[in-house]
C-alpha atoms as a PDB file:
ATOM      1  CA  MET A   1      40.681 -22.917  38.987  1.00  0.00           C
ATOM      2  CA  ALA A   2      39.858 -22.929  42.760  1.00  0.00           C
ATOM      3  CA  ALA A   3      40.584 -25.747  45.145  1.00  0.00           C
ATOM      4  CA  ALA A   4      37.577 -27.546  46.089  1.00  0.00           C
ATOM      5  CA  HIS A   5      37.698 -26.428  49.501  1.00  0.00           C
ATOM      6  CA  GLU A   6      38.278 -22.776  48.952  1.00  0.00           C
ATOM      7  CA  TYR A   7      35.042 -20.413  49.874  1.00  0.00           C
ATOM      8  CA  ARG A   8      34.120 -18.370  47.153  1.00  0.00           C
ATOM      9  CA  GLY A   9      30.895 -17.106  48.403  1.00  0.00           C
ATOM     10  CA  GLY A  10      29.602 -13.505  48.997  1.00  0.00           C
ATOM     11  CA  PRO A  11      30.839 -10.624  50.687  1.00  0.00           C
ATOM     12  CA  ALA A  12      32.175 -11.553  54.501  1.00  0.00           C
ATOM     13  CA  ARG A  13      29.676 -11.030  57.262  1.00  0.00           C
ATOM     14  CA  THR A  14      30.353  -8.589  60.093  1.00  0.00           C
ATOM     15  CA  PRO A  15      30.391 -10.144  63.769  1.00  0.00           C
ATOM     16  CA  ALA A  16      26.890  -8.825  64.488  1.00  0.00           C
ATOM     17  CA  GLU A  17      25.565 -10.363  61.198  1.00  0.00           C
ATOM     18  CA  LEU A  18      27.353 -13.880  62.204  1.00  0.00           C
ATOM     19  CA  ILE A  19      25.924 -13.613  65.605  1.00  0.00           C
ATOM     20  CA  LEU A  20      22.241 -12.958  64.640  1.00  0.00           C
ATOM     21  CA  GLY A  21      22.482 -15.326  61.724  1.00  0.00           C
ATOM     22  CA  PHE A  22      23.439 -18.180  63.940  1.00  0.00           C
ATOM     23  CA  LEU A  23      20.672 -17.247  66.389  1.00  0.00           C
ATOM     24  CA  GLU A  24      17.897 -17.036  63.475  1.00  0.00           C
ATOM     25  CA  ALA A  25      19.095 -20.009  61.736  1.00  0.00           C
ATOM     26  CA  ARG A  26      18.604 -21.808  65.014  1.00  0.00           C
ATOM     27  CA  GLY A  27      14.936 -20.741  65.508  1.00  0.00           C
ATOM     28  CA  ILE A  28      16.105 -18.382  68.426  1.00  0.00           C
ATOM     29  CA  PRO A  29      13.730 -15.350  68.308  1.00  0.00           C
ATOM     30  CA  VAL A  30      15.777 -12.123  68.527  1.00  0.00           C
ATOM     31  CA  PRO A  31      13.969  -9.118  69.745  1.00  0.00           C
ATOM     32  CA  GLU A  32      14.612  -5.720  68.152  1.00  0.00           C
ATOM     33  CA  GLU A  33      16.369  -4.448  71.352  1.00  0.00           C
ATOM     34  CA  ALA A  34      18.783  -7.570  71.352  1.00  0.00           C
ATOM     35  CA  ARG A  35      19.530  -6.970  67.592  1.00  0.00           C
ATOM     36  CA  ALA A  36      20.248  -3.370  68.301  1.00  0.00           C
ATOM     37  CA  ARG A  37      22.846  -4.364  71.395  1.00  0.00           C
ATOM     38  CA  VAL A  38      24.661  -6.828  69.053  1.00  0.00           C
ATOM     39  CA  HIS A  39      24.989  -4.187  66.413  1.00  0.00           C
ATOM     40  CA  ALA A  40      26.035  -1.228  68.694  1.00  0.00           C
ATOM     41  CA  CYS A  41      28.893  -3.776  70.225  1.00  0.00           C
ATOM     42  CA  THR A  42      32.264  -2.376  69.222  1.00  0.00           C
ATOM     43  CA  ASP A  43      34.031  -4.939  71.995  1.00  0.00           C
ATOM     44  CA  GLN A  44      35.817  -7.344  69.387  1.00  0.00           C
ATOM     45  CA  SER A  45      36.435  -9.712  72.308  1.00  0.00           C
ATOM     46  CA  LEU A  46      32.657  -9.364  73.492  1.00  0.00           C
ATOM     47  CA  LEU A  47      31.728  -9.946  69.952  1.00  0.00           C
ATOM     48  CA  ASP A  48      34.111 -13.090  69.653  1.00  0.00           C
ATOM     49  CA  ARG A  49      32.503 -14.396  73.042  1.00  0.00           C
ATOM     50  CA  TRP A  50      28.760 -13.758  71.601  1.00  0.00           C
ATOM     51  CA  THR A  51      29.666 -15.463  68.308  1.00  0.00           C
ATOM     52  CA  VAL A  52      30.854 -18.588  69.881  1.00  0.00           C
ATOM     53  CA  ARG A  53      27.699 -18.553  72.427  1.00  0.00           C
ATOM     54  CA  ALA A  54      25.484 -18.098  69.656  1.00  0.00           C
ATOM     55  CA  VAL A  55      25.743 -21.614  68.546  1.00  0.00           C
ATOM     56  CA  THR A  56      25.025 -23.132  71.677  1.00  0.00           C
ATOM     57  CA  VAL A  57      22.600 -20.996  73.616  1.00  0.00           C
ATOM     58  CA  GLY A  58      18.801 -21.566  74.024  1.00  0.00           C
ATOM     59  CA  SER A  59      17.851 -18.011  74.218  1.00  0.00           C
ATOM     60  CA  VAL A  60      19.033 -14.484  73.457  1.00  0.00           C
ATOM     61  CA  ASP A  61      19.162 -13.893  77.391  1.00  0.00           C
ATOM     62  CA  GLU A  62      21.715 -16.586  77.772  1.00  0.00           C
ATOM     63  CA  LEU A  63      23.690 -14.991  75.038  1.00  0.00           C
ATOM     64  CA  PHE A  64      24.155 -12.027  77.118  1.00  0.00           C
ATOM     65  CA  GLU A  65      24.649 -13.573  80.371  1.00  0.00           C
END
């Protein structure tokens, strides 16, 4: 039996999916241009920075500052 704290959800999400999901969950509009920019990024350190910022920014523009 799995431990009570063990996550057994669906497949792992990509960094881009996490970033966009955080923004959308917070009600921040994500234009297609921004969505494409996030999906196209291959720099892991930048994706990590955007992931952290996605939970606090007030707009997509702030994400990329």
